[in-house]
Amino acid sequence: MDTATKSSRLAGFYKQSLDERIDRVARWANLTAGETAALRGAMGLDRADQMIENVVGLHALPLGIAVNFLVNGREVLVPMVVEEPSVVAGASYAAKLARAGGGFQASTTPPEMIGQIQVLDVIDPESARSDLLAVREELLSLANGTDPVIVGLGGGARDLEVRVLQDTAAGPMLVVHLIFDCVDVMGANAVNTACEALAPKVEQVAGGRVLLRILSNLADRRLARARCTVPMDALASGDFSGEEVARSIVEAWAFAAADPYRAATHNKGIMNGVDAVALATGNDWRAVEAGAHAYAARSGRYTALSTWARDDSGDLVGTLEMPLALGVVGGATRVHPGAQVALKILGVQTARELAEIVVSVGLAQNLAAIRALATEGIQRGHMRLHARQVAVAAGAREDEVDWVVQRMADAGVIRLDRAGAILTEIRKG
């Protein structure tokens, strides 16, 4: 497909057959026959047995494509691995809304991770802190010696910080923070290895005992930011004017900003999108989750990760800032065929490019969720998609699913027992 004519605005994509959708994405990303085959079944048991221990099988999840994304002026198709209905559809719809305002503008900070070294049994923590900072350059040099490849690519140890924790359940302790630029890897192995290498010298200088030497998943130096503007007119939906929808979205966000009970669900909606892309690309979505929720509580009170407001024209403006420790090389991205294909579909070359897309997807997913909540309610669209799962769970064959879904939707009852009863009726003729 000619890159000059590429558009992620794939009208009617969801109406196409499975084979047609696969073919369309394959042509978009110039996938080889082998890469296209990986979309149908990304990994065999032999490969799985090399990834983790005690392998006995494979557990597959659907991989969908979110359309309509325009990120920093570039057309993007977004692979998402998720089991929950409405996530891919919601992201695609919200991306269409954002597209009317120019799409998403995203940026990232340098991919710096924090490695922590815990030092116990220090007689004079403040003096030990000064002593460690005095040998900062030596410690950074030791850290760089552990990964000449990353250093050669322009990364490596950037800085050293030392904190004193006076009042803990284990008594006073020092915490050494190694700031390490991971370039295009997520960085856990590189940072952990560097911390291990520093431990003996840290013990010698501080006069204490090193215990933990490990990466922190609160990657607050490795941030991703996204912004979008949705014209008020584009928000009009059914009986709701664009003005009403824009106002309601801001009011819904204000609830999440003020109340941690609502913020938890608000942020879960963001992570529906973020995690799905992280999983599709072979990244550690649990680490991303941990960092996001810790960042949401950085003020001492858990709150919304995103913000929504209206500009002088009345248009809706959304922003999202969060830690995103992602990689495009190493880890599962190197050994999982499906992850490699997902990265090729995304067309990214660096971890920062990937993070810019992922944070944009998170903002889109958030917009989709609160727009639905602020208008017809989340259940209307979500439950119709969920009805397909219910129909399949009740035993509906492929040619029966649409009949069962329609009957349940007409009755407004989406339940397993109702699906079973409808199936019985259909099969009786």
Protein backbone atom coordinates (compact mmCIF):
# COMPACT_ATOMS: atom_id res chain seq x y z
CA MET A 1 0.00 0.00 0.00
CA ASP A 2 1.36 3.42 -0.96
CA THR A 3 2.36 5.24 2.24
CA ALA A 4 1.23 8.53 0.72
CA THR A 5 -2.33 7.25 0.46
CA LYS A 6 -2.48 5.46 3.81
CA SER A 7 -5.33 6.39 6.11
CA SER A 8 -6.34 4.76 9.37
CA ARG A 9 -9.89 5.94 8.65
CA LEU A 10 -11.06 2.50 7.50
CA ALA A 11 -14.77 3.04 6.99
CA GLY A 12 -16.82 -0.13 7.46
CA PHE A 13 -13.83 -2.12 8.73
CA TYR A 14 -15.92 -3.77 11.44
CA LYS A 15 -18.44 -4.94 8.84
CA GLN A 16 -15.88 -6.86 6.83
CA SER A 17 -15.27 -10.57 7.19
CA LEU A 18 -12.37 -11.80 9.28
CA ASP A 19 -10.37 -12.73 6.17
CA GLU A 20 -11.03 -9.31 4.61
CA ARG A 21 -9.85 -7.51 7.75
CA ILE A 22 -6.67 -9.59 7.95
CA ASP A 23 -5.94 -8.92 4.28
CA ARG A 24 -6.51 -5.18 4.70
CA VAL A 25 -4.15 -4.94 7.66
CA ALA A 26 -1.56 -7.10 5.92
CA ARG A 27 -1.57 -4.75 2.92
CA TRP A 28 -1.44 -1.71 5.22
CA ALA A 29 1.69 -2.94 7.02
CA ASN A 30 3.24 -4.81 4.06
CA LEU A 31 3.22 -8.02 6.08
CA THR A 32 4.92 -11.10 4.67
CA ALA A 33 3.02 -14.36 4.31
CA GLY A 34 4.63 -15.59 7.52
CA GLU A 35 3.73 -12.44 9.43
CA THR A 36 0.16 -12.62 8.17
CA ALA A 37 -0.02 -16.24 9.32
CA ALA A 38 1.16 -15.10 12.76
CA LEU A 39 -1.99 -13.02 13.09
CA ARG A 40 -4.01 -16.23 12.90
CA GLY A 41 -1.89 -18.13 15.38
CA ALA A 42 1.04 -16.22 16.71
CA MET A 43 2.95 -18.82 18.72
CA GLY A 44 3.45 -22.54 19.02
CA LEU A 45 4.02 -24.59 22.14
CA ASP A 46 7.75 -24.94 21.48
CA ARG A 47 8.19 -21.16 21.50
CA ALA A 48 6.02 -20.82 24.62
CA ASP A 49 8.15 -23.42 26.39
CA GLN A 50 11.17 -21.17 25.84
CA MET A 51 9.45 -18.14 27.38
CA ILE A 52 8.26 -19.35 30.79
CA GLU A 53 8.51 -22.42 32.98
CA ASN A 54 6.14 -25.41 33.37
CA VAL A 55 4.38 -24.78 30.05
CA VAL A 56 1.42 -27.07 29.36
CA GLY A 57 -0.49 -25.10 26.73
CA LEU A 58 -1.40 -21.79 25.18
CA HIS A 59 -4.05 -19.29 26.30
CA ALA A 60 -5.18 -17.10 23.42
CA LEU A 61 -6.84 -13.68 23.57
CA PRO A 62 -8.38 -11.75 20.66
CA LEU A 63 -6.21 -9.27 18.79
CA GLY A 64 -8.24 -6.42 17.32
CA ILE A 65 -7.30 -3.34 15.32
CA ALA A 66 -8.36 0.13 16.46
CA VAL A 67 -8.80 2.44 13.48
CA ASN A 68 -9.01 6.21 12.89
CA PHE A 69 -5.88 7.13 14.88
CA LEU A 70 -3.89 10.18 13.88
CA VAL A 71 -0.90 10.67 16.21
CA ASN A 72 1.47 13.58 15.65
CA GLY A 73 0.15 13.83 12.11
CA ARG A 74 0.82 10.16 11.31
CA GLU A 75 -1.86 7.63 10.38
CA VAL A 76 -1.78 4.67 12.76
CA LEU A 77 -3.56 1.34 12.99
CA VAL A 78 -3.40 0.09 16.58
CA PRO A 79 -3.21 -3.61 17.50
CA MET A 80 -4.98 -4.29 20.82
CA VAL A 81 -5.10 -7.58 22.73
CA VAL A 82 -8.07 -7.60 25.09
CA GLU A 83 -10.98 -9.83 26.11
CA GLU A 84 -13.44 -7.09 27.06
CA PRO A 85 -16.09 -6.07 24.52
CA SER A 86 -16.35 -2.41 23.46
CA VAL A 87 -12.70 -1.53 24.11
CA VAL A 88 -11.52 -1.66 20.49
CA ALA A 89 -14.76 -0.12 19.24
CA GLY A 90 -14.61 2.63 21.85
CA ALA A 91 -11.01 3.55 21.06
CA SER A 92 -11.80 3.66 17.34
CA TYR A 93 -14.83 5.89 17.85
CA ALA A 94 -12.98 8.28 20.16
CA ALA A 95 -10.07 8.46 17.70
CA LYS A 96 -12.59 9.48 15.03
CA LEU A 97 -13.83 12.29 17.30
CA ALA A 98 -10.28 13.45 18.04
CA ARG A 99 -9.47 13.27 14.35
CA ALA A 100 -11.99 16.07 13.74
CA GLY A 101 -9.75 18.30 15.85
CA GLY A 102 -6.45 17.24 14.29
CA GLY A 103 -5.90 13.98 16.11
CA PHE A 104 -3.57 13.42 19.05
CA GLN A 105 -0.44 15.40 19.85
CA ALA A 106 1.91 13.31 21.97
CA SER A 107 5.38 13.62 23.46
CA THR A 108 7.69 11.74 25.81
CA THR A 109 10.55 12.45 28.16
CA PRO A 110 13.84 10.53 27.81
CA PRO A 111 13.45 6.81 28.66
CA GLU A 112 15.09 7.05 32.06
CA MET A 113 14.35 4.38 34.64
CA ILE A 114 15.17 4.30 38.34
CA GLY A 115 17.10 1.48 39.98
CA GLN A 116 16.94 1.35 43.77
CA ILE A 117 19.62 0.11 46.14
CA GLN A 118 18.52 -0.28 49.77
CA VAL A 119 21.26 0.25 52.38
CA LEU A 120 20.66 -0.79 55.99
CA ASP A 121 22.69 -0.64 59.23
CA VAL A 122 24.23 2.74 58.39
CA ILE A 123 25.52 4.48 61.51
CA ASP A 124 25.33 8.05 60.17
CA PRO A 125 22.91 8.15 57.18
CA GLU A 126 23.49 11.83 56.34
CA SER A 127 27.26 11.46 56.24
CA ALA A 128 26.95 8.25 54.23
CA ARG A 129 24.74 10.10 51.75
CA SER A 130 27.43 12.73 51.24
CA ASP A 131 30.12 10.07 50.85
CA LEU A 132 28.12 8.25 48.18
CA LEU A 133 27.48 11.43 46.21
CA ALA A 134 31.21 12.17 46.36
CA VAL A 135 31.92 8.99 44.37
CA ARG A 136 29.04 9.56 41.96
CA GLU A 137 31.19 9.47 38.81
CA GLU A 138 32.85 6.22 39.83
CA LEU A 139 29.49 4.60 40.49
CA LEU A 140 28.08 5.78 37.16
CA SER A 141 31.12 4.38 35.38
CA LEU A 142 30.61 1.02 37.10
CA ALA A 143 26.98 1.00 36.00
CA ASN A 144 27.87 1.81 32.40
CA GLY A 145 30.33 -1.07 32.35
CA THR A 146 27.48 -3.55 32.76
CA ASP A 147 25.86 -2.79 29.39
CA PRO A 148 28.19 -1.44 26.71
CA VAL A 149 25.52 -2.08 24.05
CA ILE A 150 23.06 0.37 25.62
CA VAL A 151 25.86 2.85 26.21
CA GLY A 152 26.90 2.50 22.57
CA LEU A 153 23.34 3.34 21.52
CA GLY A 154 23.44 6.56 23.53
CA GLY A 155 21.95 5.31 26.79
CA GLY A 156 23.34 4.27 30.13
CA ALA A 157 23.76 5.73 33.60
CA ARG A 158 22.73 9.38 33.80
CA ASP A 159 22.69 10.33 37.46
CA LEU A 160 22.81 9.16 41.05
CA GLU A 161 20.52 10.28 43.86
CA VAL A 162 20.64 9.28 47.52
CA ARG A 163 17.65 9.53 49.85
CA VAL A 164 17.53 9.08 53.61
CA LEU A 165 14.47 7.33 55.03
CA GLN A 166 14.70 8.03 58.74
CA ASP A 167 11.46 6.50 59.99
CA THR A 168 10.70 3.01 58.65
CA ALA A 169 9.60 -0.25 60.28
CA ALA A 170 13.17 -1.50 59.82
CA GLY A 171 14.79 1.65 61.17
CA PRO A 172 16.73 4.34 59.24
CA MET A 173 17.97 3.41 55.80
CA LEU A 174 19.54 4.89 52.70
CA VAL A 175 18.09 4.46 49.24
CA VAL A 176 20.40 4.99 46.30
CA HIS A 177 18.64 5.83 43.01
CA LEU A 178 20.50 5.01 39.83
CA ILE A 179 19.02 6.96 36.91
CA PHE A 180 19.52 4.87 33.76
CA ASP A 181 18.58 5.74 30.17
CA CYS A 182 17.24 2.51 28.64
CA VAL A 183 16.93 3.75 25.03
CA ASP A 184 14.55 1.30 23.33
CA VAL A 185 14.26 -1.48 25.91
CA MET A 186 11.87 -1.50 28.83
CA GLY A 187 14.96 -1.71 31.01
CA ALA A 188 14.24 -4.02 33.93
CA ASN A 189 17.11 -6.43 33.23
CA ALA A 190 19.59 -3.70 32.36
CA VAL A 191 18.81 -1.63 35.45
CA ASN A 192 18.76 -4.61 37.81
CA THR A 193 22.14 -5.77 36.50
CA ALA A 194 23.60 -2.29 36.98
CA CYS A 195 22.30 -2.10 40.55
CA GLU A 196 23.84 -5.49 41.33
CA ALA A 197 27.17 -4.23 40.07
CA LEU A 198 27.05 -1.13 42.29
CA ALA A 199 26.12 -2.95 45.50
CA PRO A 200 29.65 -3.83 46.76
CA LYS A 201 30.97 -0.30 46.23
CA VAL A 202 27.86 1.21 47.84
CA GLU A 203 28.35 -1.01 50.89
CA GLN A 204 32.00 -0.07 51.15
CA VAL A 205 31.39 3.68 50.90
CA ALA A 206 28.25 3.86 53.04
CA GLY A 207 29.48 1.45 55.69
CA GLY A 208 26.17 -0.41 55.64
CA ARG A 209 24.51 -3.54 54.34
CA VAL A 210 22.86 -3.61 50.92
CA LEU A 211 19.66 -5.64 50.71
CA LEU A 212 17.38 -4.91 47.74
CA ARG A 213 18.81 -3.98 44.33
CA ILE A 214 15.94 -3.58 41.88
CA LEU A 215 14.18 -1.38 39.34
CA SER A 216 11.28 0.83 40.45
CA ASN A 217 8.07 0.56 38.43
CA LEU A 218 7.16 4.12 39.39
CA ALA A 219 8.84 5.38 36.22
CA ASP A 220 8.10 9.03 36.88
CA ARG A 221 11.12 10.16 34.86
CA ARG A 222 9.86 8.28 31.80
CA LEU A 223 6.61 10.09 31.07
CA ALA A 224 4.32 10.09 28.07
CA ARG A 225 1.83 12.88 27.37
CA ALA A 226 -1.06 13.15 24.93
CA ARG A 227 -3.49 15.93 24.09
CA CYS A 228 -6.51 16.17 21.83
CA THR A 229 -9.17 18.73 20.97
CA VAL A 230 -12.65 17.58 19.98
CA PRO A 231 -14.80 20.20 18.25
CA MET A 232 -18.02 20.71 20.17
CA ASP A 233 -20.15 19.99 17.10
CA ALA A 234 -18.51 16.57 16.65
CA LEU A 235 -19.74 15.53 20.10
CA ALA A 236 -23.45 15.81 19.27
CA SER A 237 -25.10 12.42 19.73
CA GLY A 238 -28.77 11.52 19.31
CA ASP A 239 -30.85 13.82 21.49
CA PHE A 240 -27.71 15.33 23.06
CA SER A 241 -26.22 18.52 21.63
CA GLY A 242 -22.46 18.95 21.39
CA GLU A 243 -22.69 21.58 24.12
CA GLU A 244 -24.44 19.16 26.47
CA VAL A 245 -22.00 16.34 25.82
CA ALA A 246 -18.92 18.56 26.27
CA ARG A 247 -20.27 19.96 29.53
CA SER A 248 -21.19 16.50 30.83
CA ILE A 249 -17.76 15.07 30.04
CA VAL A 250 -16.05 17.85 32.01
CA GLU A 251 -18.47 17.32 34.90
CA ALA A 252 -17.80 13.57 34.84
CA TRP A 253 -14.05 14.19 34.90
CA ALA A 254 -14.46 16.58 37.87
CA PHE A 255 -16.04 13.70 39.80
CA ALA A 256 -13.00 11.48 39.14
CA ALA A 257 -10.58 14.28 40.00
CA ALA A 258 -12.22 14.78 43.39
CA ASP A 259 -13.14 11.23 44.43
CA PRO A 260 -10.74 8.24 44.55
CA TYR A 261 -13.60 5.74 44.27
CA ARG A 262 -14.58 7.20 40.91
CA ALA A 263 -10.93 7.87 39.94
CA ALA A 264 -10.11 4.16 40.19
CA THR A 265 -12.75 3.32 37.58
CA HIS A 266 -11.89 6.38 35.48
CA ASN A 267 -8.25 5.29 35.35
CA LYS A 268 -9.23 1.68 34.68
CA GLY A 269 -10.84 2.94 31.49
CA ILE A 270 -7.56 4.54 30.48
CA MET A 271 -5.68 1.33 31.20
CA ASN A 272 -8.13 -0.68 29.08
CA GLY A 273 -6.47 0.96 26.10
CA VAL A 274 -2.92 1.20 27.43
CA ASP A 275 -2.71 -2.41 28.59
CA ALA A 276 -4.22 -3.78 25.38
CA VAL A 277 -1.48 -2.23 23.24
CA ALA A 278 1.23 -3.12 25.76
CA LEU A 279 0.09 -6.75 25.67
CA ALA A 280 -0.12 -6.79 21.87
CA THR A 281 3.49 -5.57 21.60
CA GLY A 282 4.91 -7.99 24.19
CA ASN A 283 5.42 -5.38 26.89
CA ASP A 284 5.03 -5.80 30.64
CA TRP A 285 1.53 -4.42 31.19
CA ARG A 286 1.64 -5.23 34.93
CA ALA A 287 4.62 -2.90 35.34
CA VAL A 288 2.79 -0.21 33.38
CA GLU A 289 -0.30 -0.64 35.60
CA ALA A 290 1.74 -0.38 38.79
CA GLY A 291 3.48 2.77 37.62
CA ALA A 292 0.27 4.42 36.42
CA HIS A 293 -1.66 3.94 39.65
CA ALA A 294 1.31 4.99 41.81
CA TYR A 295 1.64 8.12 39.67
CA ALA A 296 -2.07 8.84 40.11
CA ALA A 297 -1.44 8.96 43.88
CA ARG A 298 1.79 10.97 43.79
CA SER A 299 0.18 13.95 45.55
CA GLY A 300 -0.78 11.73 48.48
CA ARG A 301 -4.35 11.37 47.21
CA TYR A 302 -5.41 9.06 44.39
CA THR A 303 -6.91 11.02 41.52
CA ALA A 304 -7.62 10.95 37.77
CA LEU A 305 -4.67 10.57 35.42
CA SER A 306 -6.36 12.58 32.68
CA THR A 307 -7.91 16.04 32.58
CA TRP A 308 -10.83 17.34 30.53
CA ALA A 309 -11.77 20.98 30.06
CA ARG A 310 -13.22 23.33 27.45
CA ASP A 311 -11.30 25.98 25.57
CA ASP A 312 -12.42 29.49 24.68
CA SER A 313 -14.37 28.17 21.70
CA GLY A 314 -16.25 25.68 23.83
CA ASP A 315 -14.42 22.72 22.28
CA LEU A 316 -13.42 19.79 24.47
CA VAL A 317 -9.72 19.47 25.36
CA GLY A 318 -8.29 16.34 26.94
CA THR A 319 -4.81 15.63 28.28
CA LEU A 320 -3.16 12.55 29.74
CA GLU A 321 0.23 12.27 31.43
CA MET A 322 1.51 8.99 32.83
CA PRO A 323 4.66 6.89 33.20
CA LEU A 324 5.15 4.48 30.29
CA ALA A 325 8.07 2.09 30.47
CA LEU A 326 7.85 0.31 27.12
CA GLY A 327 10.34 -1.36 24.83
CA VAL A 328 10.53 -2.28 21.17
CA VAL A 329 13.48 -4.67 21.54
CA GLY A 330 14.30 -7.34 24.09
CA GLY A 331 11.99 -9.39 26.27
CA ALA A 332 8.85 -10.89 24.78
CA THR A 333 8.96 -8.43 21.88
CA ARG A 334 11.95 -10.35 20.53
CA VAL A 335 10.60 -13.90 20.89
CA HIS A 336 6.84 -13.56 20.38
CA PRO A 337 5.93 -13.53 16.66
CA GLY A 338 2.63 -11.75 17.31
CA ALA A 339 4.38 -8.94 19.18
CA GLN A 340 6.78 -8.45 16.27
CA VAL A 341 3.87 -8.24 13.83
CA ALA A 342 2.04 -5.77 16.11
CA LEU A 343 5.07 -3.47 16.13
CA LYS A 344 5.29 -3.66 12.35
CA ILE A 345 1.60 -2.73 12.02
CA LEU A 346 2.21 0.25 14.33
CA GLY A 347 5.21 1.27 12.23
CA VAL A 348 7.31 2.34 15.21
CA GLN A 349 11.09 2.25 15.40
CA THR A 350 11.70 3.52 18.95
CA ALA A 351 10.28 3.02 22.41
CA ARG A 352 9.36 6.70 22.56
CA GLU A 353 7.30 6.44 19.36
CA LEU A 354 5.48 3.46 20.84
CA ALA A 355 4.80 5.30 24.10
CA GLU A 356 3.37 8.28 22.19
CA ILE A 357 0.86 6.02 20.47
CA VAL A 358 0.01 4.12 23.64
CA VAL A 359 -0.69 7.26 25.69
CA SER A 360 -2.90 8.50 22.85
CA VAL A 361 -4.85 5.25 22.93
CA GLY A 362 -5.26 5.66 26.70
CA LEU A 363 -6.70 9.14 26.23
CA ALA A 364 -9.01 7.90 23.45
CA GLN A 365 -10.27 5.04 25.63
CA ASN A 366 -10.94 7.49 28.45
CA LEU A 367 -12.89 9.76 26.12
CA ALA A 368 -14.97 6.85 24.84
CA ALA A 369 -15.88 5.71 28.34
CA ILE A 370 -16.83 9.05 29.85
CA ARG A 371 -18.68 10.15 26.70
CA ALA A 372 -20.81 7.01 26.95
CA LEU A 373 -21.35 7.50 30.68
CA ALA A 374 -22.29 11.15 30.18
CA THR A 375 -24.82 10.41 27.42
CA GLU A 376 -26.71 7.13 27.01
CA GLY A 377 -24.82 5.33 29.77
CA ILE A 378 -22.06 2.78 29.47
CA GLN A 379 -24.31 -0.27 29.41
CA ARG A 380 -26.19 0.38 26.20
CA GLY A 381 -23.31 -0.07 23.81
CA HIS A 382 -21.23 -2.29 26.06
CA MET A 383 -24.00 -4.79 26.74
CA ARG A 384 -24.84 -5.27 23.09
CA LEU A 385 -21.23 -6.24 22.44
CA HIS A 386 -21.23 -8.36 25.59
CA ALA A 387 -24.34 -10.13 24.26
CA ARG A 388 -22.20 -11.88 21.65
CA GLN A 389 -20.08 -13.43 24.38
CA VAL A 390 -23.23 -14.50 26.22
CA ALA A 391 -24.65 -16.08 23.07
CA VAL A 392 -21.46 -18.04 22.44
CA ALA A 393 -21.30 -19.11 26.10
CA ALA A 394 -24.86 -20.44 25.79
CA GLY A 395 -23.74 -22.66 22.92
CA ALA A 396 -24.82 -20.64 19.88
CA ARG A 397 -23.24 -21.72 16.60
CA GLU A 398 -21.74 -19.12 14.27
CA ASP A 399 -24.94 -18.91 12.22
CA GLU A 400 -27.05 -18.51 15.37
CA VAL A 401 -25.12 -15.78 17.23
CA ASP A 402 -26.65 -12.76 15.48
CA TRP A 403 -30.19 -14.11 15.96
CA VAL A 404 -29.63 -14.63 19.69
CA VAL A 405 -28.00 -11.21 20.12
CA GLN A 406 -30.83 -9.43 18.33
CA ARG A 407 -33.51 -11.20 20.36
CA MET A 408 -31.79 -10.39 23.66
CA ALA A 409 -31.24 -6.77 22.60
CA ASP A 410 -34.90 -6.40 21.59
CA ALA A 411 -35.98 -7.67 25.00
CA GLY A 412 -33.34 -5.66 26.86
CA VAL A 413 -32.25 -8.81 28.72
CA ILE A 414 -28.62 -9.92 28.28
CA ARG A 415 -28.32 -13.08 30.36
CA LEU A 416 -27.07 -16.61 29.87
CA ASP A 417 -30.43 -18.20 30.75
CA ARG A 418 -32.23 -15.94 28.27
CA ALA A 419 -29.73 -16.83 25.53
CA GLY A 420 -30.29 -20.52 26.24
CA ALA A 421 -34.05 -20.12 26.03
CA ILE A 422 -33.76 -18.27 22.69
CA LEU A 423 -31.52 -20.99 21.32
CA THR A 424 -34.08 -23.62 22.29
CA GLU A 425 -36.80 -21.66 20.46
CA ILE A 426 -34.67 -21.21 17.35
CA ARG A 427 -33.74 -24.89 17.16
CA LYS A 428 -37.32 -26.01 17.56
CA GLY A 429 -38.06 -24.02 14.41
